[in-house]
Amino acid sequence: MMKLAIWALMLFNLGSVVAQNRVPVLKTDVPLDSIRLSDPFILADKKSMTYYMTGTGGLLWKSKDLQKWTGPYKVTKTDPASWMGPEPMIWAAELHHYKGKYYYFATFTNRGVKIDTVKGNVIERRACHILVSEVPEGPYVPMKDPTYLPANMPTLDGTLWVEDGKPYLIYCYEWLQNWDGTIEQIELKPDLSGSVGQSKLLFKASASPWSRERDSAGKVIPNKVTDGPWLFHTKTGKLGMLWTSWVFSEYTQGVAYSKSGKLAGPWIHEPTPFTPPNYGHSMLFRTFDGKLLMAVHSHREDKSGRYIRIPQLFEVDDSGDKLVLGARYH
């Protein structure tokens, strides 16, 4: 039921606070499936021949072989005088190497600032933002613009996409306020230090043919959640997007393809989910030997009712017009 799905999502959000001044305990040779991490993102950095993994929580892990990991490292230095406040929550962090520098795309939440109340839900100040560093290990620090998106909108899960030489921030406008979550785009400055112009809608959650929930009367309707967009090209040049929502109480990932081959779409959604139930918020990367992998987290409830998310890797085939999910990668 959707009430359960909402509760699970909010429980995950509330349990993801990492204080900026907390020093993590460093561990070495940690197997991937022993790490508890939501929204995993892996940068395969050819310059250092190192895999860097981040996600929700604002911390970083390093590996040479994807098997044993060292971390977590604290890598962000946000401005306590900014809208984020002194100890922002950090969700869904991504690392992008772009024009010689490393950029940290993440969702920051200042729980001390309330921007709206919709249908009984108090909405905190939450937005996508970008930090920068000269090296993948950080520290990642703020750039020129104090904000990238309007302060009165809760936005999350921003990612980078470059089209026709222009960089774009692709992000979700959270369902808690608009009650039909969206995925949108906004152009970025050439050095990613701010945004340009107005955002444009790519699609709404309700456009999905596979995500479902029940309304208060028990009627089956489209789910309202948009989460974790990740764009890609197949080897045939097809533009696609992985994104996540819910099928009743199951966190699930789907895929859509742009009919025009451009961000403007229209976006045509596959009729069924891309992953099995309880996997979501993925991204794609290539190993140093050229294998295409999908990093995703599994989603399950333990005996105490707490939700556990663990990074997982799957092989993916992008040789045709559409992605094909392969076996778990060990």
C-alpha atoms as a PDB file:
ATOM      1  CA  MET A   1       0.000   0.000   0.000  1.00  0.00           C
ATOM      2  CA  MET A   2       1.137   3.548  -0.684  1.00  0.00           C
ATOM      3  CA  LYS A   3       0.965   4.504   2.998  1.00  0.00           C
ATOM      4  CA  LEU A   4       3.617   1.872   3.671  1.00  0.00           C
ATOM      5  CA  ALA A   5       5.709   3.071   0.743  1.00  0.00           C
ATOM      6  CA  ILE A   6       5.583   6.674   1.947  1.00  0.00           C
ATOM      7  CA  TRP A   7       6.457   5.614   5.471  1.00  0.00           C
ATOM      8  CA  ALA A   8       9.407   3.557   4.231  1.00  0.00           C
ATOM      9  CA  LEU A   9      10.714   6.414   2.123  1.00  0.00           C
ATOM     10  CA  MET A  10      10.402   8.932   4.949  1.00  0.00           C
ATOM     11  CA  LEU A  11      12.041   6.523   7.396  1.00  0.00           C
ATOM     12  CA  PHE A  12      14.964   6.169   5.028  1.00  0.00           C
ATOM     13  CA  ASN A  13      15.216   9.932   4.664  1.00  0.00           C
ATOM     14  CA  LEU A  14      15.126  10.569   8.402  1.00  0.00           C
ATOM     15  CA  GLY A  15      17.754   7.898   8.999  1.00  0.00           C
ATOM     16  CA  SER A  16      20.230   9.378   6.526  1.00  0.00           C
ATOM     17  CA  VAL A  17      21.569  12.296   8.563  1.00  0.00           C
ATOM     18  CA  VAL A  18      25.361  12.665   8.605  1.00  0.00           C
ATOM     19  CA  ALA A  19      26.703  15.579  10.591  1.00  0.00           C
ATOM     20  CA  GLN A  20      29.347  17.660   8.845  1.00  0.00           C
ATOM     21  CA  ASN A  21      31.605  17.652  11.895  1.00  0.00           C
ATOM     22  CA  ARG A  22      31.488  13.911  12.553  1.00  0.00           C
ATOM     23  CA  VAL A  23      34.746  12.068  11.828  1.00  0.00           C
ATOM     24  CA  PRO A  24      34.035   8.594  10.404  1.00  0.00           C
ATOM     25  CA  VAL A  25      35.963   5.525  11.544  1.00  0.00           C
ATOM     26  CA  LEU A  26      38.225   4.413   8.677  1.00  0.00           C
ATOM     27  CA  LYS A  27      38.001   0.749   7.649  1.00  0.00           C
ATOM     28  CA  THR A  28      40.043  -1.236   5.120  1.00  0.00           C
ATOM     29  CA  ASP A  29      39.389  -4.289   2.931  1.00  0.00           C
ATOM     30  CA  VAL A  30      35.630  -4.038   3.370  1.00  0.00           C
ATOM     31  CA  PRO A  31      33.599  -6.239   0.960  1.00  0.00           C
ATOM     32  CA  LEU A  32      31.041  -4.345  -1.099  1.00  0.00           C
ATOM     33  CA  ASP A  33      28.091  -6.246   0.362  1.00  0.00           C
ATOM     34  CA  SER A  34      29.202  -5.307   3.892  1.00  0.00           C
ATOM     35  CA  ILE A  35      28.759  -1.598   3.170  1.00  0.00           C
ATOM     36  CA  ARG A  36      25.425  -0.007   4.032  1.00  0.00           C
ATOM     37  CA  LEU A  37      24.844   2.706   1.441  1.00  0.00           C
ATOM     38  CA  SER A  38      21.855   4.161  -0.391  1.00  0.00           C
ATOM     39  CA  ASP A  39      22.034   5.552  -3.921  1.00  0.00           C
ATOM     40  CA  PRO A  40      25.522   4.188  -4.736  1.00  0.00           C
ATOM     41  CA  PHE A  41      27.555   6.007  -7.364  1.00  0.00           C
ATOM     42  CA  ILE A  42      30.918   4.747  -8.657  1.00  0.00           C
ATOM     43  CA  LEU A  43      33.414   6.918 -10.506  1.00  0.00           C
ATOM     44  CA  ALA A  44      36.022   4.864 -12.376  1.00  0.00           C
ATOM     45  CA  ASP A  45      38.888   7.358 -12.397  1.00  0.00           C
ATOM     46  CA  LYS A  46      41.405   6.348 -15.085  1.00  0.00           C
ATOM     47  CA  LYS A  47      43.985   8.893 -13.926  1.00  0.00           C
ATOM     48  CA  SER A  48      44.390   7.207 -10.527  1.00  0.00           C
ATOM     49  CA  MET A  49      43.089   3.774 -11.648  1.00  0.00           C
ATOM     50  CA  THR A  50      40.825   3.889  -8.599  1.00  0.00           C
ATOM     51  CA  TYR A  51      37.098   3.374  -8.138  1.00  0.00           C
ATOM     52  CA  TYR A  52      35.479   6.030  -5.942  1.00  0.00           C
ATOM     53  CA  MET A  53      32.067   5.255  -4.480  1.00  0.00           C
ATOM     54  CA  THR A  54      29.735   7.724  -2.850  1.00  0.00           C
ATOM     55  CA  GLY A  55      25.978   8.052  -2.291  1.00  0.00           C
ATOM     56  CA  THR A  56      23.644   9.138   0.480  1.00  0.00           C
ATOM     57  CA  GLY A  57      25.442  10.181   3.668  1.00  0.00           C
ATOM     58  CA  GLY A  58      28.100  12.385   2.104  1.00  0.00           C
ATOM     59  CA  LEU A  59      31.024   9.963   2.571  1.00  0.00           C
ATOM     60  CA  LEU A  60      33.464   8.342   0.117  1.00  0.00           C
ATOM     61  CA  TRP A  61      34.857   4.815  -0.358  1.00  0.00           C
ATOM     62  CA  LYS A  62      37.863   3.808  -2.518  1.00  0.00           C
ATOM     63  CA  SER A  63      38.796   0.532  -4.242  1.00  0.00           C
ATOM     64  CA  LYS A  64      41.257  -0.759  -6.820  1.00  0.00           C
ATOM     65  CA  ASP A  65      39.238  -3.844  -7.791  1.00  0.00           C
ATOM     66  CA  LEU A  66      35.549  -3.281  -6.842  1.00  0.00           C
ATOM     67  CA  GLN A  67      35.905  -6.101  -4.278  1.00  0.00           C
ATOM     68  CA  LYS A  68      37.626  -4.594  -1.241  1.00  0.00           C
ATOM     69  CA  TRP A  69      36.920  -1.016  -0.208  1.00  0.00           C
ATOM     70  CA  THR A  70      38.578   1.510   2.100  1.00  0.00           C
ATOM     71  CA  GLY A  71      36.599   4.212   3.839  1.00  0.00           C
ATOM     72  CA  PRO A  72      34.505   6.038   4.633  1.00  0.00           C
ATOM     73  CA  TYR A  73      36.196   9.397   4.053  1.00  0.00           C
ATOM     74  CA  LYS A  74      34.593  12.777   4.717  1.00  0.00           C
ATOM     75  CA  VAL A  75      35.026  14.788   1.511  1.00  0.00           C
ATOM     76  CA  THR A  76      32.670  17.801   1.619  1.00  0.00           C
ATOM     77  CA  LYS A  77      33.221  21.288   3.018  1.00  0.00           C
ATOM     78  CA  THR A  78      29.950  23.173   2.787  1.00  0.00           C
ATOM     79  CA  ASP A  79      29.458  26.751   3.952  1.00  0.00           C
ATOM     80  CA  PRO A  80      27.620  26.824   7.326  1.00  0.00           C
ATOM     81  CA  ALA A  81      26.480  30.378   6.570  1.00  0.00           C
ATOM     82  CA  SER A  82      24.734  29.261   3.373  1.00  0.00           C
ATOM     83  CA  TRP A  83      21.141  28.069   3.029  1.00  0.00           C
ATOM     84  CA  MET A  84      22.331  24.535   3.875  1.00  0.00           C
ATOM     85  CA  GLY A  85      23.102  25.436   7.482  1.00  0.00           C
ATOM     86  CA  PRO A  86      25.889  23.928   9.612  1.00  0.00           C
ATOM     87  CA  GLU A  87      24.959  20.226   9.351  1.00  0.00           C
ATOM     88  CA  PRO A  88      23.016  19.488   6.156  1.00  0.00           C
ATOM     89  CA  MET A  89      21.752  16.044   5.297  1.00  0.00           C
ATOM     90  CA  ILE A  90      23.471  14.811   2.125  1.00  0.00           C
ATOM     91  CA  TRP A  91      21.695  12.429  -0.238  1.00  0.00           C
ATOM     92  CA  ALA A  92      22.475  10.762  -3.564  1.00  0.00           C
ATOM     93  CA  ALA A  93      25.936  12.232  -4.099  1.00  0.00           C
ATOM     94  CA  GLU A  94      27.559  11.741  -7.509  1.00  0.00           C
ATOM     95  CA  LEU A  95      31.132  12.409  -8.709  1.00  0.00           C
ATOM     96  CA  HIS A  96      31.688  13.687 -12.239  1.00  0.00           C
ATOM     97  CA  HIS A  97      35.022  14.380 -13.936  1.00  0.00           C
ATOM     98  CA  TYR A  98      34.335  17.306 -16.261  1.00  0.00           C
ATOM     99  CA  LYS A  99      36.820  19.537 -18.096  1.00  0.00           C
ATOM    100  CA  GLY A 100      39.732  18.706 -15.804  1.00  0.00           C
ATOM    101  CA  LYS A 101      37.960  19.056 -12.456  1.00  0.00           C
ATOM    102  CA  TYR A 102      35.824  16.832 -10.235  1.00  0.00           C
ATOM    103  CA  TYR A 103      32.279  17.844  -9.375  1.00  0.00           C
ATOM    104  CA  TYR A 104      30.109  16.655  -6.495  1.00  0.00           C
ATOM    105  CA  PHE A 105      26.413  16.615  -7.396  1.00  0.00           C
ATOM    106  CA  ALA A 106      24.258  16.022  -4.317  1.00  0.00           C
ATOM    107  CA  THR A 107      21.007  16.801  -2.533  1.00  0.00           C
ATOM    108  CA  PHE A 108      21.409  18.929   0.586  1.00  0.00           C
ATOM    109  CA  THR A 109      18.704  19.364   3.235  1.00  0.00           C
ATOM    110  CA  ASN A 110      18.574  21.985   5.972  1.00  0.00           C
ATOM    111  CA  ARG A 111      16.145  20.481   8.478  1.00  0.00           C
ATOM    112  CA  GLY A 112      15.976  23.735  10.402  1.00  0.00           C
ATOM    113  CA  VAL A 113      14.222  25.587   7.573  1.00  0.00           C
ATOM    114  CA  LYS A 114      10.632  24.777   6.549  1.00  0.00           C
ATOM    115  CA  ILE A 115       9.469  25.994   3.147  1.00  0.00           C
ATOM    116  CA  ASP A 116       5.946  24.589   2.878  1.00  0.00           C
ATOM    117  CA  THR A 117       3.283  22.268   4.288  1.00  0.00           C
ATOM    118  CA  VAL A 118       1.258  20.171   1.848  1.00  0.00           C
ATOM    119  CA  LYS A 119      -1.426  17.661   2.906  1.00  0.00           C
ATOM    120  CA  GLY A 120       0.036  17.571   6.393  1.00  0.00           C
ATOM    121  CA  ASN A 121       3.622  17.030   5.236  1.00  0.00           C
ATOM    122  CA  VAL A 122       6.075  19.667   6.464  1.00  0.00           C
ATOM    123  CA  ILE A 123       8.611  20.251   3.674  1.00  0.00           C
ATOM    124  CA  GLU A 124      12.161  21.162   4.639  1.00  0.00           C
ATOM    125  CA  ARG A 125      14.615  23.278   2.637  1.00  0.00           C
ATOM    126  CA  ARG A 126      16.059  20.745   0.201  1.00  0.00           C
ATOM    127  CA  ALA A 127      17.823  21.258  -3.101  1.00  0.00           C
ATOM    128  CA  CYS A 128      20.331  19.940  -5.601  1.00  0.00           C
ATOM    129  CA  HIS A 129      23.705  21.651  -5.477  1.00  0.00           C
ATOM    130  CA  ILE A 130      27.195  21.186  -6.966  1.00  0.00           C
ATOM    131  CA  LEU A 131      30.592  21.363  -5.246  1.00  0.00           C
ATOM    132  CA  VAL A 132      34.030  21.205  -6.897  1.00  0.00           C
ATOM    133  CA  SER A 133      37.511  19.775  -6.275  1.00  0.00           C
ATOM    134  CA  GLU A 134      40.783  19.446  -8.165  1.00  0.00           C
ATOM    135  CA  VAL A 135      41.084  15.766  -7.160  1.00  0.00           C
ATOM    136  CA  PRO A 136      38.514  12.961  -6.690  1.00  0.00           C
ATOM    137  CA  GLU A 137      39.276  12.613  -2.959  1.00  0.00           C
ATOM    138  CA  GLY A 138      38.173  16.207  -2.346  1.00  0.00           C
ATOM    139  CA  PRO A 139      37.643  18.289  -0.385  1.00  0.00           C
ATOM    140  CA  TYR A 140      34.647  19.418  -2.421  1.00  0.00           C
ATOM    141  CA  VAL A 141      33.797  23.072  -1.844  1.00  0.00           C
ATOM    142  CA  PRO A 142      31.102  25.517  -3.010  1.00  0.00           C
ATOM    143  CA  MET A 143      31.443  27.513  -6.212  1.00  0.00           C
ATOM    144  CA  LYS A 144      30.086  30.900  -7.263  1.00  0.00           C
ATOM    145  CA  ASP A 145      26.286  30.678  -7.163  1.00  0.00           C
ATOM    146  CA  PRO A 146      24.620  30.159  -3.756  1.00  0.00           C
ATOM    147  CA  THR A 147      21.640  28.327  -5.322  1.00  0.00           C
ATOM    148  CA  TYR A 148      20.937  26.377  -8.508  1.00  0.00           C
ATOM    149  CA  LEU A 149      17.166  25.941  -8.185  1.00  0.00           C
ATOM    150  CA  PRO A 150      14.315  27.971  -6.610  1.00  0.00           C
ATOM    151  CA  ALA A 151      14.361  28.047  -2.807  1.00  0.00           C
ATOM    152  CA  ASN A 152      10.614  27.351  -2.537  1.00  0.00           C
ATOM    153  CA  MET A 153      10.865  23.983  -4.347  1.00  0.00           C
ATOM    154  CA  PRO A 154      12.155  20.709  -2.823  1.00  0.00           C
ATOM    155  CA  THR A 155      14.454  19.174  -5.447  1.00  0.00           C
ATOM    156  CA  LEU A 156      16.679  16.122  -5.282  1.00  0.00           C
ATOM    157  CA  ASP A 157      18.842  13.515  -7.050  1.00  0.00           C
ATOM    158  CA  GLY A 158      20.582  15.856  -9.486  1.00  0.00           C
ATOM    159  CA  THR A 159      22.842  14.372 -12.159  1.00  0.00           C
ATOM    160  CA  LEU A 160      24.965  15.723 -15.038  1.00  0.00           C
ATOM    161  CA  TRP A 161      24.182  15.369 -18.727  1.00  0.00           C
ATOM    162  CA  VAL A 162      25.889  17.098 -21.664  1.00  0.00           C
ATOM    163  CA  GLU A 163      23.943  17.658 -24.885  1.00  0.00           C
ATOM    164  CA  ASP A 164      25.235  19.524 -27.931  1.00  0.00           C
ATOM    165  CA  GLY A 165      28.180  20.745 -25.858  1.00  0.00           C
ATOM    166  CA  LYS A 166      26.014  22.250 -23.102  1.00  0.00           C
ATOM    167  CA  PRO A 167      25.921  20.835 -19.547  1.00  0.00           C
ATOM    168  CA  TYR A 168      22.572  20.250 -17.858  1.00  0.00           C
ATOM    169  CA  LEU A 169      21.397  19.417 -14.361  1.00  0.00           C
ATOM    170  CA  ILE A 170      18.757  16.675 -14.538  1.00  0.00           C
ATOM    171  CA  TYR A 171      16.821  16.409 -11.275  1.00  0.00           C
ATOM    172  CA  CYS A 172      13.574  15.479  -9.540  1.00  0.00           C
ATOM    173  CA  TYR A 173      11.029  17.993  -8.273  1.00  0.00           C
ATOM    174  CA  GLU A 174       9.849  16.151  -5.186  1.00  0.00           C
ATOM    175  CA  TRP A 175       6.330  14.728  -5.025  1.00  0.00           C
ATOM    176  CA  LEU A 176       5.842  15.913  -1.429  1.00  0.00           C
ATOM    177  CA  GLN A 177       5.012  19.368  -2.752  1.00  0.00           C
ATOM    178  CA  ASN A 178       3.610  18.883  -6.270  1.00  0.00           C
ATOM    179  CA  TRP A 179       1.941  15.508  -5.503  1.00  0.00           C
ATOM    180  CA  ASP A 180       2.997  14.219  -8.929  1.00  0.00           C
ATOM    181  CA  GLY A 181       6.796  14.128  -8.919  1.00  0.00           C
ATOM    182  CA  THR A 182       8.617  15.286 -12.022  1.00  0.00           C
ATOM    183  CA  ILE A 183      11.984  14.898 -13.701  1.00  0.00           C
ATOM    184  CA  GLU A 184      13.260  18.180 -15.114  1.00  0.00           C
ATOM    185  CA  GLN A 185      16.297  19.778 -16.742  1.00  0.00           C
ATOM    186  CA  ILE A 186      18.046  23.107 -16.334  1.00  0.00           C
ATOM    187  CA  GLU A 187      21.084  24.354 -18.227  1.00  0.00           C
ATOM    188  CA  LEU A 188      24.307  24.890 -16.265  1.00  0.00           C
ATOM    189  CA  LYS A 189      27.046  27.450 -16.720  1.00  0.00           C
ATOM    190  CA  PRO A 190      30.062  26.140 -18.688  1.00  0.00           C
ATOM    191  CA  ASP A 191      32.054  25.639 -15.449  1.00  0.00           C
ATOM    192  CA  LEU A 192      28.988  24.219 -13.626  1.00  0.00           C
ATOM    193  CA  SER A 193      29.174  27.047 -11.083  1.00  0.00           C
ATOM    194  CA  GLY A 194      25.503  27.940 -11.434  1.00  0.00           C
ATOM    195  CA  SER A 195      22.359  27.440 -13.505  1.00  0.00           C
ATOM    196  CA  VAL A 196      21.099  29.307 -16.569  1.00  0.00           C
ATOM    197  CA  GLY A 197      17.498  30.237 -17.357  1.00  0.00           C
ATOM    198  CA  GLN A 198      14.415  28.272 -16.394  1.00  0.00           C
ATOM    199  CA  SER A 199      13.891  24.572 -15.881  1.00  0.00           C
ATOM    200  CA  LYS A 200      11.981  22.406 -18.369  1.00  0.00           C
ATOM    201  CA  LEU A 201       9.761  19.424 -17.655  1.00  0.00           C
ATOM    202  CA  LEU A 202      10.850  16.053 -19.056  1.00  0.00           C
ATOM    203  CA  PHE A 203       8.033  13.931 -17.617  1.00  0.00           C
ATOM    204  CA  LYS A 204       5.809  13.389 -14.591  1.00  0.00           C
ATOM    205  CA  ALA A 205       5.615  10.331 -12.350  1.00  0.00           C
ATOM    206  CA  SER A 206       2.072   9.715 -13.536  1.00  0.00           C
ATOM    207  CA  ALA A 207       3.363   9.059 -17.074  1.00  0.00           C
ATOM    208  CA  SER A 208       4.781   5.719 -15.972  1.00  0.00           C
ATOM    209  CA  PRO A 209       2.803   2.627 -17.034  1.00  0.00           C
ATOM    210  CA  TRP A 210       4.435   0.385 -14.413  1.00  0.00           C
ATOM    211  CA  SER A 211       4.594   2.318 -11.114  1.00  0.00           C
ATOM    212  CA  ARG A 212       1.462   1.960  -9.002  1.00  0.00           C
ATOM    213  CA  GLU A 213      -0.134   2.834  -5.674  1.00  0.00           C
ATOM    214  CA  ARG A 214      -3.630   2.871  -4.142  1.00  0.00           C
ATOM    215  CA  ASP A 215      -5.486   6.043  -3.292  1.00  0.00           C
ATOM    216  CA  SER A 216      -7.477   6.562  -0.085  1.00  0.00           C
ATOM    217  CA  ALA A 217     -10.449   4.743  -1.625  1.00  0.00           C
ATOM    218  CA  GLY A 218      -8.331   1.743  -2.593  1.00  0.00           C
ATOM    219  CA  LYS A 219      -8.306   2.531  -6.313  1.00  0.00           C
ATOM    220  CA  VAL A 220      -5.098   1.651  -8.191  1.00  0.00           C
ATOM    221  CA  ILE A 221      -3.487   4.799  -9.623  1.00  0.00           C
ATOM    222  CA  PRO A 222      -0.021   5.819 -10.934  1.00  0.00           C
ATOM    223  CA  ASN A 223       2.579   6.298  -8.225  1.00  0.00           C
ATOM    224  CA  LYS A 224       3.610   9.885  -7.470  1.00  0.00           C
ATOM    225  CA  VAL A 225       7.344   9.355  -6.758  1.00  0.00           C
ATOM    226  CA  THR A 226      10.219  10.199  -9.117  1.00  0.00           C
ATOM    227  CA  ASP A 227      13.673   9.250  -7.898  1.00  0.00           C
ATOM    228  CA  GLY A 228      17.257   8.835  -9.104  1.00  0.00           C
ATOM    229  CA  PRO A 229      17.423   9.790 -12.825  1.00  0.00           C
ATOM    230  CA  TRP A 230      20.446   8.503 -14.773  1.00  0.00           C
ATOM    231  CA  LEU A 231      20.886   9.176 -18.484  1.00  0.00           C
ATOM    232  CA  PHE A 232      22.820   7.088 -20.987  1.00  0.00           C
ATOM    233  CA  HIS A 233      23.332   6.364 -24.675  1.00  0.00           C
ATOM    234  CA  THR A 234      23.261   2.836 -26.027  1.00  0.00           C
ATOM    235  CA  LYS A 235      25.901   1.886 -28.589  1.00  0.00           C
ATOM    236  CA  THR A 236      23.315   2.511 -31.310  1.00  0.00           C
ATOM    237  CA  GLY A 237      22.921   6.101 -30.085  1.00  0.00           C
ATOM    238  CA  LYS A 238      19.578   5.681 -28.328  1.00  0.00           C
ATOM    239  CA  LEU A 239      19.092   8.131 -25.432  1.00  0.00           C
ATOM    240  CA  GLY A 240      17.620   6.525 -22.339  1.00  0.00           C
ATOM    241  CA  MET A 241      16.986   7.242 -18.686  1.00  0.00           C
ATOM    242  CA  LEU A 242      16.928   4.937 -15.688  1.00  0.00           C
ATOM    243  CA  TRP A 243      14.704   6.188 -12.849  1.00  0.00           C
ATOM    244  CA  THR A 244      13.007   4.773  -9.769  1.00  0.00           C
ATOM    245  CA  SER A 245       9.525   4.789  -8.230  1.00  0.00           C
ATOM    246  CA  TRP A 246       7.317   2.321  -6.351  1.00  0.00           C
ATOM    247  CA  VAL A 247       5.052  -0.572  -7.283  1.00  0.00           C
ATOM    248  CA  PHE A 248       2.805  -0.464  -4.240  1.00  0.00           C
ATOM    249  CA  SER A 249       5.230  -1.226  -1.357  1.00  0.00           C
ATOM    250  CA  GLU A 250       8.152  -2.289  -3.565  1.00  0.00           C
ATOM    251  CA  TYR A 251      10.921   0.136  -4.509  1.00  0.00           C
ATOM    252  CA  THR A 252      11.414  -0.488  -8.238  1.00  0.00           C
ATOM    253  CA  GLN A 253      13.349   0.865 -11.198  1.00  0.00           C
ATOM    254  CA  GLY A 254      12.183   1.536 -14.727  1.00  0.00           C
ATOM    255  CA  VAL A 255      13.637   2.901 -17.943  1.00  0.00           C
ATOM    256  CA  ALA A 256      12.421   5.374 -20.549  1.00  0.00           C
ATOM    257  CA  TYR A 257      13.752   6.313 -23.990  1.00  0.00           C
ATOM    258  CA  SER A 258      13.676   9.642 -25.820  1.00  0.00           C
ATOM    259  CA  LYS A 259      11.851   9.370 -29.143  1.00  0.00           C
ATOM    260  CA  SER A 260      13.764  12.374 -30.521  1.00  0.00           C
ATOM    261  CA  GLY A 261      17.123  11.295 -29.127  1.00  0.00           C
ATOM    262  CA  LYS A 262      17.280  14.578 -27.214  1.00  0.00           C
ATOM    263  CA  LEU A 263      16.444  15.662 -23.666  1.00  0.00           C
ATOM    264  CA  ALA A 264      13.290  17.331 -24.956  1.00  0.00           C
ATOM    265  CA  GLY A 265      11.818  13.881 -25.656  1.00  0.00           C
ATOM    266  CA  PRO A 266       9.053  12.875 -25.800  1.00  0.00           C
ATOM    267  CA  TRP A 267      10.001  10.193 -23.275  1.00  0.00           C
ATOM    268  CA  ILE A 268       8.494   6.775 -23.916  1.00  0.00           C
ATOM    269  CA  HIS A 269       8.387   4.511 -20.866  1.00  0.00           C
ATOM    270  CA  GLU A 270       8.935   0.791 -21.049  1.00  0.00           C
ATOM    271  CA  PRO A 271       5.778  -1.040 -19.921  1.00  0.00           C
ATOM    272  CA  THR A 272       7.479  -3.114 -17.228  1.00  0.00           C
ATOM    273  CA  PRO A 273      10.216  -2.419 -14.647  1.00  0.00           C
ATOM    274  CA  PHE A 274      13.876  -2.790 -15.584  1.00  0.00           C
ATOM    275  CA  THR A 275      14.995  -4.466 -12.352  1.00  0.00           C
ATOM    276  CA  PRO A 276      13.450  -7.027 -10.016  1.00  0.00           C
ATOM    277  CA  PRO A 277      11.464  -5.597  -7.086  1.00  0.00           C
ATOM    278  CA  ASN A 278      13.359  -3.825  -4.305  1.00  0.00           C
ATOM    279  CA  TYR A 279      16.274  -2.577  -6.373  1.00  0.00           C
ATOM    280  CA  GLY A 280      16.580   1.078  -7.296  1.00  0.00           C
ATOM    281  CA  HIS A 281      18.454   4.344  -7.798  1.00  0.00           C
ATOM    282  CA  SER A 282      21.083   3.098 -10.218  1.00  0.00           C
ATOM    283  CA  MET A 283      23.847   4.461 -12.417  1.00  0.00           C
ATOM    284  CA  LEU A 284      26.083   2.982 -15.119  1.00  0.00           C
ATOM    285  CA  PHE A 285      29.890   2.924 -15.355  1.00  0.00           C
ATOM    286  CA  ARG A 286      32.604   1.029 -17.205  1.00  0.00           C
ATOM    287  CA  THR A 287      35.302  -0.908 -15.424  1.00  0.00           C
ATOM    288  CA  PHE A 288      38.921  -0.318 -16.362  1.00  0.00           C
ATOM    289  CA  ASP A 289      38.741  -3.366 -18.637  1.00  0.00           C
ATOM    290  CA  GLY A 290      35.666  -2.010 -20.435  1.00  0.00           C
ATOM    291  CA  LYS A 291      32.795  -3.949 -18.845  1.00  0.00           C
ATOM    292  CA  LEU A 292      29.555  -2.002 -18.434  1.00  0.00           C
ATOM    293  CA  LEU A 293      28.118  -2.316 -14.925  1.00  0.00           C
ATOM    294  CA  MET A 294      25.115  -0.937 -13.110  1.00  0.00           C
ATOM    295  CA  ALA A 295      25.541   0.170  -9.499  1.00  0.00           C
ATOM    296  CA  VAL A 296      22.244  -0.016  -7.616  1.00  0.00           C
ATOM    297  CA  HIS A 297      21.117  -0.560  -4.053  1.00  0.00           C
ATOM    298  CA  SER A 298      18.936  -3.366  -2.785  1.00  0.00           C
ATOM    299  CA  HIS A 299      16.117  -2.387  -0.465  1.00  0.00           C
ATOM    300  CA  ARG A 300      14.813  -4.585   2.343  1.00  0.00           C
ATOM    301  CA  GLU A 301      13.274  -4.351   5.788  1.00  0.00           C
ATOM    302  CA  ASP A 302      14.954  -6.055   8.757  1.00  0.00           C
ATOM    303  CA  LYS A 303      13.186  -7.632  11.740  1.00  0.00           C
ATOM    304  CA  SER A 304      13.121  -4.333  13.613  1.00  0.00           C
ATOM    305  CA  GLY A 305      11.336  -2.563  10.759  1.00  0.00           C
ATOM    306  CA  ARG A 306      14.421  -0.599   9.712  1.00  0.00           C
ATOM    307  CA  TYR A 307      15.169  -0.378   6.003  1.00  0.00           C
ATOM    308  CA  ILE A 308      18.584  -1.596   4.870  1.00  0.00           C
ATOM    309  CA  ARG A 309      20.183  -0.589   1.577  1.00  0.00           C
ATOM    310  CA  ILE A 310      23.280  -2.349   0.230  1.00  0.00           C
ATOM    311  CA  PRO A 311      25.254  -1.520  -2.956  1.00  0.00           C
ATOM    312  CA  GLN A 312      24.938  -4.161  -5.670  1.00  0.00           C
ATOM    313  CA  LEU A 313      26.518  -4.515  -9.112  1.00  0.00           C
ATOM    314  CA  PHE A 314      24.871  -5.966 -12.238  1.00  0.00           C
ATOM    315  CA  GLU A 315      26.218  -6.544 -15.726  1.00  0.00           C
ATOM    316  CA  VAL A 316      24.405  -4.600 -18.446  1.00  0.00           C
ATOM    317  CA  ASP A 317      24.333  -4.989 -22.237  1.00  0.00           C
ATOM    318  CA  ASP A 318      23.979  -1.731 -24.197  1.00  0.00           C
ATOM    319  CA  SER A 319      24.804  -3.083 -27.659  1.00  0.00           C
ATOM    320  CA  GLY A 320      21.264  -2.649 -29.026  1.00  0.00           C
ATOM    321  CA  ASP A 321      18.623   0.071 -28.956  1.00  0.00           C
ATOM    322  CA  LYS A 322      17.653  -0.854 -25.396  1.00  0.00           C
ATOM    323  CA  LEU A 323      19.514  -1.803 -22.229  1.00  0.00           C
ATOM    324  CA  VAL A 324      19.421  -5.450 -21.225  1.00  0.00           C
ATOM    325  CA  LEU A 325      19.962  -6.324 -17.574  1.00  0.00           C
ATOM    326  CA  GLY A 326      22.452  -9.144 -17.016  1.00  0.00           C
ATOM    327  CA  ALA A 327      23.539 -11.196 -14.047  1.00  0.00           C
ATOM    328  CA  ARG A 328      24.817 -10.002 -10.700  1.00  0.00           C
ATOM    329  CA  TYR A 329      28.485  -9.058 -10.978  1.00  0.00           C
ATOM    330  CA  HIS A 330      30.798 -10.662  -8.435  1.00  0.00           C
END
